[in-house]
Amino acid sequence: MKKALCDKDPSVMACALNYFLDEIRKRPNDYKDLVNHFVVILKQIIDHRLPRDYDYHRIPAPWIQTKLLEILSYLGAEDETTSK
């Protein structure tokens, strides 16, 4: 599933986020090593590096951004180092 995060097709990456969200809810400590990957994906989205097909009223991939923020909230909960 980690390879799916780096897939060239943004739809594959977005689907992988659903898997990671479910797993991170159960065991966030097992996935702390992926924080940088999630942040990089979020930065790419914010920088409009996804195709315009993923924009919604000129907002880049809002549903993917929301999913990433939810994942990061679980990973950073009660962990100041990860939150930074």
C-alpha atoms as a PDB file:
ATOM      1  CA  MET A   1       0.000   0.000   0.000  1.00  0.00           C
ATOM      2  CA  LYS A   2       2.934   2.329   0.544  1.00  0.00           C
ATOM      3  CA  LYS A   3       3.711   2.127  -3.169  1.00  0.00           C
ATOM      4  CA  ALA A   4       0.172   3.259  -3.926  1.00  0.00           C
ATOM      5  CA  LEU A   5       0.898   6.569  -2.187  1.00  0.00           C
ATOM      6  CA  CYS A   6       3.530   7.292  -4.851  1.00  0.00           C
ATOM      7  CA  ASP A   7       1.499   6.104  -7.830  1.00  0.00           C
ATOM      8  CA  LYS A   8       1.430   8.396 -10.872  1.00  0.00           C
ATOM      9  CA  ASP A   9      -2.365   8.210 -10.942  1.00  0.00           C
ATOM     10  CA  PRO A  10      -3.803  10.507  -8.251  1.00  0.00           C
ATOM     11  CA  SER A  11      -6.904   8.310  -8.014  1.00  0.00           C
ATOM     12  CA  VAL A  12      -4.792   5.376  -6.856  1.00  0.00           C
ATOM     13  CA  MET A  13      -3.133   7.572  -4.232  1.00  0.00           C
ATOM     14  CA  ALA A  14      -6.519   8.870  -3.073  1.00  0.00           C
ATOM     15  CA  CYS A  15      -7.855   5.317  -2.697  1.00  0.00           C
ATOM     16  CA  ALA A  16      -4.785   4.316  -0.707  1.00  0.00           C
ATOM     17  CA  LEU A  17      -5.513   7.142   1.726  1.00  0.00           C
ATOM     18  CA  ASN A  18      -8.770   5.422   2.691  1.00  0.00           C
ATOM     19  CA  TYR A  19      -6.854   2.297   3.639  1.00  0.00           C
ATOM     20  CA  PHE A  20      -4.292   4.258   5.628  1.00  0.00           C
ATOM     21  CA  LEU A  21      -6.970   6.247   7.437  1.00  0.00           C
ATOM     22  CA  ASP A  22      -8.654   3.058   8.618  1.00  0.00           C
ATOM     23  CA  GLU A  23      -5.370   1.520   9.737  1.00  0.00           C
ATOM     24  CA  ILE A  24      -4.064   4.689  11.380  1.00  0.00           C
ATOM     25  CA  ARG A  25      -7.253   5.001  13.428  1.00  0.00           C
ATOM     26  CA  LYS A  26      -6.509   1.574  14.890  1.00  0.00           C
ATOM     27  CA  ARG A  27      -2.720   1.826  15.328  1.00  0.00           C
ATOM     28  CA  PRO A  28      -1.332   5.322  14.719  1.00  0.00           C
ATOM     29  CA  ASN A  29       2.103   4.525  16.133  1.00  0.00           C
ATOM     30  CA  ASP A  30       2.702   1.919  13.417  1.00  0.00           C
ATOM     31  CA  TYR A  31       2.478   4.599  10.725  1.00  0.00           C
ATOM     32  CA  LYS A  32       4.416   7.535  12.190  1.00  0.00           C
ATOM     33  CA  ASP A  33       7.160   6.919   9.631  1.00  0.00           C
ATOM     34  CA  LEU A  34       4.757   7.967   6.853  1.00  0.00           C
ATOM     35  CA  VAL A  35       4.093  11.479   8.168  1.00  0.00           C
ATOM     36  CA  ASN A  36       6.563  13.040   5.723  1.00  0.00           C
ATOM     37  CA  HIS A  37       4.941  11.207   2.801  1.00  0.00           C
ATOM     38  CA  PHE A  38       1.510  12.539   3.740  1.00  0.00           C
ATOM     39  CA  VAL A  39       2.875  16.083   4.138  1.00  0.00           C
ATOM     40  CA  VAL A  40       4.576  15.917   0.734  1.00  0.00           C
ATOM     41  CA  ILE A  41       1.338  14.773  -0.888  1.00  0.00           C
ATOM     42  CA  LEU A  42      -0.557  17.604   0.805  1.00  0.00           C
ATOM     43  CA  LYS A  43       2.011  20.162  -0.394  1.00  0.00           C
ATOM     44  CA  GLN A  44       1.767  18.832  -3.948  1.00  0.00           C
ATOM     45  CA  ILE A  45      -1.992  19.234  -3.859  1.00  0.00           C
ATOM     46  CA  ILE A  46      -1.805  22.759  -2.439  1.00  0.00           C
ATOM     47  CA  ASP A  47       0.741  23.694  -5.119  1.00  0.00           C
ATOM     48  CA  HIS A  48      -1.767  22.577  -7.812  1.00  0.00           C
ATOM     49  CA  ARG A  49       0.402  19.706  -9.024  1.00  0.00           C
ATOM     50  CA  LEU A  50      -2.584  17.423  -9.552  1.00  0.00           C
ATOM     51  CA  PRO A  51      -4.559  17.622 -12.787  1.00  0.00           C
ATOM     52  CA  ARG A  52      -7.286  20.277 -12.813  1.00  0.00           C
ATOM     53  CA  ASP A  53      -9.825  17.440 -12.922  1.00  0.00           C
ATOM     54  CA  TYR A  54      -9.352  17.142  -9.166  1.00  0.00           C
ATOM     55  CA  ASP A  55     -10.172  20.798  -8.496  1.00  0.00           C
ATOM     56  CA  TYR A  56     -13.552  21.769  -7.105  1.00  0.00           C
ATOM     57  CA  HIS A  57     -14.414  25.409  -7.743  1.00  0.00           C
ATOM     58  CA  ARG A  58     -10.675  26.105  -8.128  1.00  0.00           C
ATOM     59  CA  ILE A  59      -9.860  24.439  -4.804  1.00  0.00           C
ATOM     60  CA  PRO A  60      -7.297  21.705  -5.407  1.00  0.00           C
ATOM     61  CA  ALA A  61      -8.599  18.255  -4.450  1.00  0.00           C
ATOM     62  CA  PRO A  62     -10.510  19.319  -1.326  1.00  0.00           C
ATOM     63  CA  TRP A  63     -11.632  15.799  -0.430  1.00  0.00           C
ATOM     64  CA  ILE A  64      -8.110  14.460  -0.618  1.00  0.00           C
ATOM     65  CA  GLN A  65      -6.867  17.395   1.459  1.00  0.00           C
ATOM     66  CA  THR A  66      -9.514  16.657   4.086  1.00  0.00           C
ATOM     67  CA  LYS A  67      -8.536  12.989   4.189  1.00  0.00           C
ATOM     68  CA  LEU A  68      -4.858  13.892   4.592  1.00  0.00           C
ATOM     69  CA  LEU A  69      -5.602  16.338   7.394  1.00  0.00           C
ATOM     70  CA  GLU A  70      -7.633  13.695   9.181  1.00  0.00           C
ATOM     71  CA  ILE A  71      -4.766  11.200   8.831  1.00  0.00           C
ATOM     72  CA  LEU A  72      -2.277  13.753  10.117  1.00  0.00           C
ATOM     73  CA  SER A  73      -4.531  14.576  13.061  1.00  0.00           C
ATOM     74  CA  TYR A  74      -4.466  10.941  14.180  1.00  0.00           C
ATOM     75  CA  LEU A  75      -0.715  10.688  13.702  1.00  0.00           C
ATOM     76  CA  GLY A  76      -0.028  13.923  15.559  1.00  0.00           C
ATOM     77  CA  ALA A  77      -2.457  13.413  18.430  1.00  0.00           C
ATOM     78  CA  GLU A  78      -0.634  13.700  21.746  1.00  0.00           C
ATOM     79  CA  ASP A  79       2.712  13.778  19.919  1.00  0.00           C
ATOM     80  CA  GLU A  80       4.214  17.252  19.664  1.00  0.00           C
ATOM     81  CA  THR A  81       7.236  16.108  17.644  1.00  0.00           C
ATOM     82  CA  THR A  82       5.083  14.539  14.934  1.00  0.00           C
ATOM     83  CA  SER A  83       2.747  17.521  14.929  1.00  0.00           C
ATOM     84  CA  LYS A  84       5.611  19.865  14.115  1.00  0.00           C
END
